[in-house]
Amino acid sequence: MSEKQHKPEHRNRPTGEAFMAFMRQDWAPRDGDLPPLTEAARYAASRRETVSAAFPGERLVIPAGGLKVRSNDTDYVFRPHSAFAHLTGLGADREPDAVLVLDPVTGEDGAPGHEAVLYFLPLADRDSEEFFADSRVGEFWVGSRPTLESASAELGLPTRHLSELPDAIAKDTGPGGVSVRVVRDADREVAVLVDTVRQQAGLVQEDQLETVAEADTQLARSLSTQRLVKDDWEVRQMEEAVEATATAFDAVVAQLPEAVRRGRGERWIEGVFGLHARHTGNGVGYDSICAAGEHATTLHWTRNTGEVQEGQLLLLDAGVETDSLYTADVTRTVPVSGTFTSAQRRVYEAVLEAQEAGLAAARPGNRFKDVHAAAIEVIARHLLEWDLLPEGVTLEQTLDAEEGQFHRRWMVHGTSHHLGIDVHDCALALREDYVEGELREGMILTVEPGLYFKSDDLLVPEEMRGIGVRIEDDIVITADGHRNLSAMLPRTAEEVEAWVQAGGVRSAR
């Protein structure tokens, strides 16, 4: 007997004909007005043209992904795959199990191109059992979904029922026919469907699937690399995300006394930021780091279970994600009591100097890795001046990539990463396009050096142990340099102290 047959059914679901007839009757007509084409969809159409030019004559399958079980019959909040969202304009929790297919066509001029078609599960009729009985997708349970017509109007592309997807993928495949690529990590079931089509069409044998998967990887890499340079709409989304994040930071600073008073203050701070993120956007773009005291020396401290106490530093690394899924990623380190100790200020100002150096290197023509090189040189110089590096090691020696890097004991991470629809955006881009790549107008990245002195690090002077500082801003590369999107938030030690002392009210800058 199968596992499915063993699974008990706890819901009492009426199925009688009389009940079914009763459920179908006397519903007011649905609103038949179609939504306008969204601005996000207009920009997505241009992005699809870029993808089409890169893969002429091939069928491209980009799934949104499906719901993921959190526990038993409870799912995580759905978030579409980034490539899908980027190429459709759908964000927030839109549309589980949907699949975008770019189907190869020949234009009137004879040039190769693609027709984009969205396959998804549309709103069910009220005479269906799904309408009231399906707890995962039924309208009674999760609300209304778009119709094929409304989704087509909103996105500016043809839409079809998800049940038509297998035939659409298999159409005209075979030796000498259309080849297919799929974004494999987006939806395992769709990837298996594509592999099955490939085998049935004689395009590949089962023992050759690994080779075909490399072609899929090339598609995913291309879609990721395409996002390195943001269009105007994406830049505006990032501006909105950062502005909302700045407001949430103000709210956190205003709540510092309450976080101290209530106990388990890191959770209080996480909740305050999350409230603003959920209210102004889709939520947080990643798990917030609300690290007080020693916890700030743990780079990805997301447990947020600790106390917030007077005299400590609070490192808050958090970002609001817009409904379009573009996220900010900002860090500020603030003195809980409103004033840095001499040791705290010493570390803070060293990190700020390093950030200024990194920001100065963020301009067109420089390479991405130049930002880190500029910042880390300042970090290494301060560590050398503080006699923390091994005896006899020079600045040049510790900066040597092969034989040095002693400074990384206190700053393990890189200074920068691309930012956008993913907090670590464009992660599949090759090293030559990312780390070694040239900075270009429209790129959005973070600049975030830090110093982290653990409380049990015996190489560090006692007064500096347990101090962790990171300062992070989000910038967009411009024609002649960069623009700091998060410049509205205080950065200098004096500005930060004034900000905390004013209860989160920023002074005019």
Protein backbone atom coordinates (compact mmCIF):
# COMPACT_ATOMS: atom_id res chain seq x y z
CA MET A 1 0.00 0.00 0.00
CA SER A 2 1.39 3.43 -0.91
CA GLU A 3 2.25 6.19 1.54
CA LYS A 4 -0.58 8.25 0.09
CA GLN A 5 -3.08 5.51 0.94
CA HIS A 6 -1.80 5.37 4.51
CA LYS A 7 -2.22 9.12 5.04
CA PRO A 8 -5.27 9.80 7.21
CA GLU A 9 -7.87 12.36 6.15
CA HIS A 10 -8.98 14.51 9.08
CA ARG A 11 -11.26 16.96 7.27
CA ASN A 12 -14.96 16.25 6.99
CA ARG A 13 -15.52 17.26 3.37
CA PRO A 14 -19.18 17.17 2.15
CA THR A 15 -19.50 15.63 -1.31
CA GLY A 16 -23.25 15.14 -1.72
CA GLU A 17 -24.87 16.39 -4.93
CA ALA A 18 -27.30 18.58 -3.02
CA PHE A 19 -24.47 20.27 -1.15
CA MET A 20 -22.43 20.74 -4.34
CA ALA A 21 -25.42 22.34 -6.07
CA PHE A 22 -26.00 24.60 -3.06
CA MET A 23 -22.36 25.80 -3.12
CA ARG A 24 -22.56 26.71 -6.79
CA GLN A 25 -25.60 28.98 -6.63
CA ASP A 26 -26.27 32.64 -5.92
CA TRP A 27 -22.82 34.20 -6.26
CA ALA A 28 -22.59 37.77 -7.56
CA PRO A 29 -20.78 38.11 -10.88
CA ARG A 30 -17.04 38.64 -10.58
CA ASP A 31 -15.56 41.95 -11.61
CA GLY A 32 -14.78 41.57 -15.28
CA ASP A 33 -12.56 44.64 -15.61
CA LEU A 34 -9.05 43.80 -16.77
CA PRO A 35 -6.04 45.33 -15.01
CA PRO A 36 -3.69 47.65 -16.91
CA LEU A 37 -0.27 46.55 -18.09
CA THR A 38 2.10 47.10 -15.17
CA GLU A 39 5.28 49.13 -15.37
CA ALA A 40 7.19 46.10 -14.10
CA ALA A 41 5.86 44.04 -17.03
CA ARG A 42 6.97 46.65 -19.58
CA TYR A 43 10.55 46.43 -18.34
CA ALA A 44 10.35 42.63 -18.12
CA ALA A 45 9.48 42.48 -21.83
CA SER A 46 12.74 44.26 -22.67
CA ARG A 47 14.69 41.81 -20.52
CA ARG A 48 13.10 38.87 -22.32
CA GLU A 49 14.32 40.31 -25.63
CA THR A 50 17.88 40.19 -24.29
CA VAL A 51 17.44 36.55 -23.27
CA SER A 52 15.90 35.72 -26.65
CA ALA A 53 18.92 37.12 -28.49
CA ALA A 54 21.28 35.00 -26.37
CA PHE A 55 19.52 31.68 -27.11
CA PRO A 56 18.14 31.78 -30.68
CA GLY A 57 16.10 28.77 -31.78
CA GLU A 58 15.92 27.17 -28.32
CA ARG A 59 12.93 26.69 -26.04
CA LEU A 60 13.62 28.24 -22.63
CA VAL A 61 11.69 27.12 -19.55
CA ILE A 62 11.77 29.39 -16.48
CA PRO A 63 9.62 28.12 -13.56
CA ALA A 64 8.40 30.20 -10.65
CA GLY A 65 8.76 27.23 -8.32
CA GLY A 66 6.14 25.69 -6.07
CA LEU A 67 4.99 25.88 -2.49
CA LYS A 68 7.39 24.37 0.06
CA VAL A 69 6.21 22.53 3.14
CA ARG A 70 7.25 24.12 6.42
CA SER A 71 5.63 21.54 8.67
CA ASN A 72 3.06 18.86 7.86
CA ASP A 73 0.36 20.69 5.86
CA THR A 74 1.70 24.20 6.51
CA ASP A 75 3.68 25.87 3.72
CA TYR A 76 6.29 28.60 3.79
CA VAL A 77 5.20 31.91 2.33
CA PHE A 78 5.74 31.57 -1.40
CA ARG A 79 8.43 33.56 -3.19
CA PRO A 80 8.90 33.12 -6.94
CA HIS A 81 12.32 32.24 -8.33
CA SER A 82 14.31 35.39 -9.03
CA ALA A 83 14.79 34.65 -12.74
CA PHE A 84 11.03 34.16 -13.14
CA ALA A 85 10.22 37.39 -11.31
CA HIS A 86 12.82 39.30 -13.33
CA LEU A 87 11.42 38.12 -16.68
CA THR A 88 7.71 38.42 -15.87
CA GLY A 89 7.40 41.36 -13.48
CA LEU A 90 5.57 39.20 -10.93
CA GLY A 91 6.71 39.67 -7.34
CA ALA A 92 5.40 39.22 -3.79
CA ASP A 93 3.83 35.73 -3.52
CA ARG A 94 2.72 35.46 -7.19
CA GLU A 95 2.07 32.68 -8.83
CA PRO A 96 3.05 29.27 -7.34
CA ASP A 97 3.77 26.55 -9.93
CA ALA A 98 3.67 29.02 -12.84
CA VAL A 99 6.15 28.54 -15.68
CA LEU A 100 7.35 31.06 -18.25
CA VAL A 101 8.21 29.50 -21.60
CA LEU A 102 10.11 31.37 -24.30
CA ASP A 103 9.13 29.54 -27.47
CA PRO A 104 11.36 29.98 -30.55
CA VAL A 105 9.69 31.71 -33.52
CA THR A 106 10.82 33.31 -36.75
CA GLY A 107 9.90 36.94 -37.21
CA GLU A 108 8.42 38.53 -40.32
CA ASP A 109 11.92 39.63 -41.30
CA GLY A 110 13.18 36.05 -41.00
CA ALA A 111 15.14 36.77 -37.82
CA PRO A 112 14.91 34.29 -34.94
CA GLY A 113 13.06 35.35 -31.83
CA HIS A 114 10.79 34.01 -29.10
CA GLU A 115 7.17 34.19 -28.04
CA ALA A 116 6.79 34.34 -24.29
CA VAL A 117 3.88 32.37 -22.80
CA LEU A 118 2.94 32.11 -19.14
CA TYR A 119 1.50 28.80 -17.96
CA PHE A 120 -0.22 28.93 -14.57
CA LEU A 121 -3.19 27.72 -12.56
CA PRO A 122 -5.94 30.32 -13.12
CA LEU A 123 -8.94 31.09 -10.96
CA ALA A 124 -11.30 28.12 -10.88
CA ASP A 125 -14.99 28.41 -11.69
CA ARG A 126 -17.41 28.37 -8.80
CA ASP A 127 -18.91 25.10 -9.98
CA SER A 128 -15.62 23.31 -9.29
CA GLU A 129 -14.72 21.44 -6.12
CA GLU A 130 -11.43 23.35 -6.05
CA PHE A 131 -13.39 26.57 -5.43
CA PHE A 132 -14.28 25.65 -1.84
CA ALA A 133 -12.50 22.38 -1.05
CA ASP A 134 -8.83 22.76 -2.07
CA SER A 135 -7.01 24.21 0.93
CA ARG A 136 -3.83 24.93 -1.04
CA VAL A 137 -5.23 26.84 -4.00
CA GLY A 138 -8.99 27.11 -3.52
CA GLU A 139 -10.52 30.58 -3.48
CA PHE A 140 -12.30 29.93 -0.18
CA TRP A 141 -8.94 29.14 1.46
CA VAL A 142 -6.30 31.41 -0.08
CA GLY A 143 -8.30 34.05 -1.92
CA SER A 144 -8.88 34.89 -5.53
CA ARG A 145 -6.29 34.29 -8.23
CA PRO A 146 -6.00 35.91 -11.66
CA THR A 147 -7.83 34.55 -14.67
CA LEU A 148 -6.00 33.77 -17.88
CA GLU A 149 -7.38 37.02 -19.33
CA SER A 150 -6.49 39.25 -16.38
CA ALA A 151 -2.95 37.88 -16.10
CA SER A 152 -2.45 38.41 -19.83
CA ALA A 153 -3.58 42.03 -19.55
CA GLU A 154 -1.41 42.66 -16.50
CA LEU A 155 1.75 41.13 -17.96
CA GLY A 156 1.34 41.80 -21.67
CA LEU A 157 1.91 38.21 -22.78
CA PRO A 158 -0.17 35.17 -23.71
CA THR A 159 -1.32 32.93 -20.87
CA ARG A 160 -2.38 29.30 -20.85
CA HIS A 161 -3.56 26.76 -18.32
CA LEU A 162 -0.78 24.91 -16.51
CA SER A 163 -2.18 21.59 -17.75
CA GLU A 164 -0.98 22.50 -21.26
CA LEU A 165 2.66 22.81 -20.19
CA PRO A 166 3.85 19.23 -20.95
CA ASP A 167 2.65 19.39 -24.55
CA ALA A 168 4.13 22.87 -24.96
CA ILE A 169 7.56 21.71 -23.79
CA ALA A 170 7.48 18.61 -26.00
CA LYS A 171 6.29 20.38 -29.18
CA ASP A 172 8.61 19.89 -32.18
CA THR A 173 11.41 18.38 -30.08
CA GLY A 174 13.58 15.61 -31.48
CA PRO A 175 16.74 15.18 -33.53
CA GLY A 176 16.93 18.18 -35.82
CA GLY A 177 14.09 19.85 -33.94
CA VAL A 178 13.84 22.29 -31.05
CA SER A 179 16.20 21.90 -28.11
CA VAL A 180 15.08 22.79 -24.59
CA ARG A 181 16.78 24.42 -21.62
CA VAL A 182 15.32 24.81 -18.13
CA VAL A 183 16.28 26.71 -14.98
CA ARG A 184 16.75 23.49 -13.01
CA ASP A 185 16.90 24.78 -9.46
CA ALA A 186 13.60 26.66 -9.72
CA ASP A 187 11.29 23.64 -9.72
CA ARG A 188 12.42 20.02 -9.49
CA GLU A 189 9.22 18.65 -11.02
CA VAL A 190 9.52 20.88 -14.08
CA ALA A 191 13.18 19.92 -14.47
CA VAL A 192 12.18 16.22 -14.40
CA LEU A 193 9.49 16.96 -17.00
CA VAL A 194 12.04 18.57 -19.31
CA ASP A 195 14.46 15.66 -18.87
CA THR A 196 11.66 13.22 -19.71
CA VAL A 197 10.82 15.17 -22.86
CA ARG A 198 14.48 15.15 -23.87
CA GLN A 199 14.71 11.39 -23.48
CA GLN A 200 11.43 10.63 -25.22
CA ALA A 201 12.40 12.88 -28.12
CA GLY A 202 15.74 11.13 -28.50
CA LEU A 203 17.66 14.29 -27.71
CA VAL A 204 19.63 12.60 -24.95
CA GLN A 205 20.09 9.24 -23.31
CA GLU A 206 19.61 8.82 -19.58
CA ASP A 207 23.36 8.52 -19.01
CA GLN A 208 23.88 11.86 -20.81
CA LEU A 209 21.63 13.95 -18.58
CA GLU A 210 24.64 15.39 -16.76
CA THR A 211 25.90 16.89 -20.02
CA VAL A 212 22.49 18.38 -20.78
CA ALA A 213 22.34 19.80 -17.25
CA GLU A 214 25.42 21.88 -18.12
CA ALA A 215 23.38 23.56 -20.85
CA ASP A 216 20.76 24.36 -18.23
CA THR A 217 23.46 25.80 -15.99
CA GLN A 218 24.53 28.09 -18.82
CA LEU A 219 20.96 29.40 -19.06
CA ALA A 220 20.75 30.05 -15.32
CA ARG A 221 24.16 31.74 -15.37
CA SER A 222 23.14 33.96 -18.28
CA LEU A 223 19.95 35.05 -16.50
CA SER A 224 21.92 35.79 -13.33
CA THR A 225 24.63 37.72 -15.17
CA GLN A 226 22.00 39.78 -17.01
CA ARG A 227 21.03 41.35 -13.68
CA LEU A 228 24.50 42.84 -13.06
CA VAL A 229 23.37 46.14 -14.62
CA LYS A 230 20.00 47.41 -13.41
CA ASP A 231 17.51 49.26 -15.59
CA ASP A 232 15.84 52.50 -14.51
CA TRP A 233 12.84 50.74 -12.99
CA GLU A 234 15.08 48.49 -10.90
CA VAL A 235 17.02 51.48 -9.60
CA ARG A 236 13.74 53.09 -8.52
CA GLN A 237 12.71 49.90 -6.75
CA MET A 238 16.01 49.90 -4.89
CA GLU A 239 15.53 53.54 -3.90
CA GLU A 240 12.13 52.63 -2.43
CA ALA A 241 13.60 49.65 -0.60
CA VAL A 242 16.38 51.73 0.94
CA GLU A 243 14.05 54.58 1.94
CA ALA A 244 11.75 52.12 3.70
CA THR A 245 14.77 50.53 5.38
CA ALA A 246 15.96 53.91 6.66
CA THR A 247 12.55 54.54 8.22
CA ALA A 248 12.66 51.12 9.89
CA PHE A 249 16.15 51.88 11.25
CA ASP A 250 14.81 55.08 12.80
CA ALA A 251 12.06 53.06 14.48
CA VAL A 252 14.60 50.61 15.89
CA VAL A 253 16.77 53.38 17.32
CA ALA A 254 13.69 54.92 18.91
CA GLN A 255 12.95 51.56 20.56
CA LEU A 256 16.41 50.95 22.02
CA PRO A 257 15.35 51.91 25.59
CA GLU A 258 12.38 49.55 25.32
CA ALA A 259 14.61 46.75 24.02
CA VAL A 260 16.83 47.20 27.08
CA ARG A 261 13.87 47.35 29.47
CA ARG A 262 11.94 44.35 28.19
CA GLY A 263 14.76 41.82 28.04
CA ARG A 264 15.53 39.55 25.09
CA GLY A 265 16.00 42.83 23.31
CA GLU A 266 17.42 41.44 20.08
CA ARG A 267 14.04 39.82 19.40
CA TRP A 268 12.29 43.10 20.17
CA ILE A 269 14.48 44.90 17.65
CA GLU A 270 13.91 42.17 15.07
CA GLY A 271 10.18 42.55 15.57
CA VAL A 272 10.21 46.34 15.26
CA PHE A 273 12.15 46.20 12.01
CA GLY A 274 9.98 43.36 10.70
CA LEU A 275 6.80 45.31 11.46
CA HIS A 276 7.94 48.20 9.29
CA ALA A 277 9.24 45.88 6.57
CA ARG A 278 5.97 44.01 6.37
CA HIS A 279 3.91 47.20 6.44
CA THR A 280 5.82 49.12 3.77
CA GLY A 281 6.93 46.23 1.57
CA ASN A 282 6.79 42.48 1.13
CA GLY A 283 8.76 41.92 4.35
CA VAL A 284 12.44 41.55 5.15
CA GLY A 285 14.77 40.72 2.28
CA TYR A 286 16.74 38.28 4.45
CA ASP A 287 16.87 37.25 8.10
CA SER A 288 17.71 40.37 10.07
CA ILE A 289 20.94 40.44 12.08
CA CYS A 290 20.15 42.17 15.38
CA ALA A 291 23.39 41.60 17.24
CA ALA A 292 24.18 43.24 20.57
CA GLY A 293 27.53 43.10 22.34
CA GLU A 294 29.54 39.95 21.68
CA HIS A 295 26.94 38.69 19.20
CA ALA A 296 28.06 41.42 16.80
CA THR A 297 31.31 39.51 16.29
CA THR A 298 29.36 36.64 14.69
CA LEU A 299 28.95 37.65 11.06
CA HIS A 300 25.55 36.06 10.45
CA TRP A 301 24.00 36.25 13.91
CA THR A 302 20.30 35.71 13.07
CA ARG A 303 19.20 33.86 16.20
CA ASN A 304 18.52 37.24 17.81
CA THR A 305 17.95 35.69 21.23
CA GLY A 306 20.19 37.95 23.30
CA GLU A 307 19.80 40.85 25.68
CA VAL A 308 20.40 44.45 24.67
CA GLN A 309 22.21 46.25 27.45
CA GLU A 310 23.42 49.74 28.24
CA GLY A 311 27.03 50.31 27.19
CA GLN A 312 26.89 47.75 24.38
CA LEU A 313 27.01 48.26 20.64
CA LEU A 314 24.09 47.07 18.54
CA LEU A 315 24.90 45.90 15.01
CA LEU A 316 21.74 45.94 12.88
CA ASP A 317 22.10 44.42 9.39
CA ALA A 318 18.66 44.44 7.76
CA GLY A 319 16.77 45.36 4.62
CA VAL A 320 13.20 45.92 3.51
CA GLU A 321 12.11 43.97 0.44
CA THR A 322 9.61 45.71 -1.83
CA ASP A 323 6.58 43.90 -3.25
CA SER A 324 8.60 43.57 -6.47
CA LEU A 325 11.21 41.58 -4.44
CA TYR A 326 14.04 44.14 -4.66
CA THR A 327 15.77 44.38 -1.31
CA ALA A 328 17.94 46.82 0.54
CA ASP A 329 20.89 45.61 2.63
CA VAL A 330 22.09 48.19 5.16
CA THR A 331 24.11 47.94 8.35
CA ARG A 332 24.56 50.44 11.12
CA THR A 333 26.38 49.90 14.41
CA VAL A 334 25.13 52.15 17.19
CA PRO A 335 25.92 52.64 20.89
CA VAL A 336 22.87 51.54 22.87
CA SER A 337 23.45 54.25 25.51
CA GLY A 338 23.98 56.97 22.91
CA THR A 339 27.74 57.42 23.38
CA PHE A 340 30.67 55.31 22.15
CA THR A 341 33.31 54.30 24.66
CA SER A 342 36.85 55.23 23.63
CA ALA A 343 37.56 51.66 22.52
CA GLN A 344 34.27 51.40 20.61
CA ARG A 345 34.90 54.69 18.84
CA ARG A 346 38.45 53.61 17.95
CA VAL A 347 37.16 50.52 16.17
CA TYR A 348 34.19 52.35 14.64
CA GLU A 349 36.28 55.10 13.10
CA ALA A 350 38.73 52.59 11.63
CA VAL A 351 35.82 50.80 9.92
CA LEU A 352 34.37 54.11 8.73
CA GLU A 353 37.72 55.08 7.21
CA ALA A 354 37.86 51.73 5.45
CA GLN A 355 34.35 52.23 4.09
CA GLU A 356 35.23 55.67 2.78
CA ALA A 357 38.16 54.14 0.92
CA GLY A 358 35.91 51.45 -0.54
CA LEU A 359 33.33 54.02 -1.61
CA ALA A 360 35.99 56.11 -3.32
CA ALA A 361 37.00 53.09 -5.41
CA ALA A 362 33.40 52.46 -6.53
CA ARG A 363 33.37 54.17 -9.92
CA PRO A 364 33.13 53.16 -13.57
CA GLY A 365 36.29 51.70 -15.04
CA ASN A 366 37.48 50.22 -11.77
CA ARG A 367 37.02 46.52 -11.17
CA PHE A 368 34.58 45.16 -8.61
CA LYS A 369 37.45 43.74 -6.55
CA ASP A 370 39.06 47.18 -6.30
CA VAL A 371 36.41 48.17 -3.75
CA HIS A 372 37.52 45.42 -1.39
CA ALA A 373 41.19 46.09 -2.02
CA ALA A 374 40.82 49.75 -1.06
CA ALA A 375 38.84 49.03 2.10
CA ILE A 376 40.90 46.10 3.32
CA GLU A 377 44.15 48.04 2.98
CA VAL A 378 42.81 50.52 5.55
CA ILE A 379 41.67 47.68 7.83
CA ALA A 380 45.08 45.99 7.59
CA ARG A 381 46.91 49.26 8.27
CA HIS A 382 44.96 49.86 11.47
CA LEU A 383 45.56 46.32 12.67
CA LEU A 384 49.26 46.78 11.99
CA GLU A 385 49.30 50.06 13.92
CA TRP A 386 47.54 48.32 16.81
CA ASP A 387 50.26 45.61 16.86
CA LEU A 388 47.75 42.84 16.18
CA LEU A 389 49.45 41.29 13.15
CA PRO A 390 52.24 38.71 13.60
CA GLU A 391 55.57 40.22 14.61
CA GLY A 392 57.61 41.43 11.68
CA VAL A 393 54.75 41.30 9.14
CA THR A 394 54.54 44.39 6.96
CA LEU A 395 51.42 45.88 5.39
CA GLU A 396 52.48 44.59 1.98
CA GLN A 397 53.04 41.10 3.35
CA THR A 398 49.64 40.77 5.00
CA LEU A 399 47.94 42.05 1.84
CA ASP A 400 49.68 39.38 -0.23
CA ALA A 401 46.90 37.08 -1.46
CA GLU A 402 49.03 33.93 -1.33
CA GLU A 403 51.32 34.26 1.67
CA GLY A 404 49.60 36.87 3.83
CA GLN A 405 45.97 37.70 4.72
CA PHE A 406 46.62 37.72 8.48
CA HIS A 407 44.19 40.61 8.84
CA ARG A 408 41.36 38.25 7.85
CA ARG A 409 41.30 36.97 11.41
CA TRP A 410 39.31 40.13 12.17
CA MET A 411 37.52 40.69 8.84
CA VAL A 412 36.78 37.38 7.16
CA HIS A 413 34.24 38.57 4.61
CA GLY A 414 34.46 40.57 1.41
CA THR A 415 33.65 44.26 1.33
CA SER A 416 31.01 44.18 -1.37
CA HIS A 417 28.42 42.20 -3.30
CA HIS A 418 25.88 42.94 -6.00
CA LEU A 419 22.40 43.73 -4.76
CA GLY A 420 18.94 43.69 -6.30
CA ILE A 421 16.20 41.10 -6.60
CA ASP A 422 18.42 38.84 -4.45
CA VAL A 423 20.32 40.17 -1.49
CA HIS A 424 23.42 38.51 -2.97
CA ASP A 425 22.40 39.18 -6.53
CA CYS A 426 23.94 37.72 -9.69
CA ALA A 427 25.50 34.90 -7.65
CA LEU A 428 25.82 32.57 -10.68
CA ALA A 429 27.87 35.04 -12.72
CA LEU A 430 31.39 33.83 -13.54
CA ARG A 431 34.34 35.29 -11.67
CA GLU A 432 35.50 37.21 -14.75
CA ASP A 433 32.13 38.95 -14.92
CA TYR A 434 31.73 39.51 -11.18
CA VAL A 435 34.87 39.81 -9.05
CA GLU A 436 37.16 40.62 -11.98
CA GLY A 437 34.44 42.50 -13.84
CA GLU A 438 34.51 46.20 -14.59
CA LEU A 439 32.11 48.43 -12.69
CA ARG A 440 29.50 49.90 -15.03
CA GLU A 441 26.81 52.52 -14.72
CA GLY A 442 23.64 50.97 -13.30
CA MET A 443 25.31 48.36 -11.12
CA ILE A 444 24.08 48.32 -7.52
CA LEU A 445 26.34 47.00 -4.79
CA THR A 446 27.05 47.16 -1.10
CA VAL A 447 30.16 48.57 0.57
CA GLU A 448 30.44 46.98 4.02
CA PRO A 449 33.79 46.60 5.79
CA GLY A 450 33.89 45.53 9.41
CA LEU A 451 36.06 44.56 12.36
CA TYR A 452 35.10 41.76 14.74
CA PHE A 453 37.04 41.20 17.96
CA LYS A 454 35.71 38.13 19.75
CA SER A 455 35.64 38.21 23.53
CA ASP A 456 37.91 35.17 23.79
CA ASP A 457 40.53 36.44 21.32
CA LEU A 458 43.65 36.75 23.44
CA LEU A 459 45.58 38.60 20.72
CA VAL A 460 43.25 41.58 21.14
CA PRO A 461 43.64 44.18 23.91
CA GLU A 462 41.12 43.48 26.64
CA GLU A 463 39.23 46.74 26.17
CA MET A 464 38.51 45.84 22.52
CA ARG A 465 37.33 42.28 23.08
CA GLY A 466 33.66 41.69 22.33
CA ILE A 467 33.41 44.66 19.96
CA GLY A 468 31.97 44.07 16.50
CA VAL A 469 31.43 46.91 14.01
CA ARG A 470 30.14 46.89 10.44
CA ILE A 471 29.01 49.86 8.36
CA GLU A 472 27.17 49.07 5.14
CA ASP A 473 25.63 51.23 2.46
CA ASP A 474 23.93 50.50 -0.85
CA ILE A 475 25.26 52.39 -3.86
CA VAL A 476 24.48 52.65 -7.56
CA ILE A 477 27.33 53.21 -9.99
CA THR A 478 26.82 56.41 -12.01
CA ALA A 479 28.52 57.80 -15.11
CA ASP A 480 31.15 59.61 -13.04
CA GLY A 481 31.26 57.73 -9.75
CA HIS A 482 28.49 56.43 -7.53
CA ARG A 483 25.41 57.56 -5.61
CA ASN A 484 24.91 56.37 -2.05
CA LEU A 485 21.27 55.30 -1.85
CA SER A 486 21.41 55.00 1.96
CA ALA A 487 23.26 58.26 2.59
CA MET A 488 20.24 59.55 4.56
CA LEU A 489 21.29 57.36 7.50
CA PRO A 490 23.94 58.71 9.92
CA ARG A 491 27.45 57.30 9.46
CA THR A 492 30.05 59.32 11.37
CA ALA A 493 30.48 58.59 15.07
CA GLU A 494 29.14 62.03 15.99
CA GLU A 495 26.09 61.67 13.74
CA VAL A 496 25.31 58.21 15.09
CA GLU A 497 25.55 59.38 18.70
CA ALA A 498 23.23 62.31 17.98
CA TRP A 499 20.80 59.98 16.22
CA VAL A 500 20.57 57.63 19.21
CA GLN A 501 20.37 60.49 21.70
CA ALA A 502 17.51 62.01 19.66
CA GLY A 503 15.58 58.77 19.79
CA GLY A 504 15.88 57.91 16.11
CA VAL A 505 15.17 61.38 14.76
CA ARG A 506 17.72 62.15 12.08
CA SER A 507 19.20 65.64 12.05
CA ALA A 508 19.35 67.52 8.76
CA ARG A 509 22.35 66.30 6.79
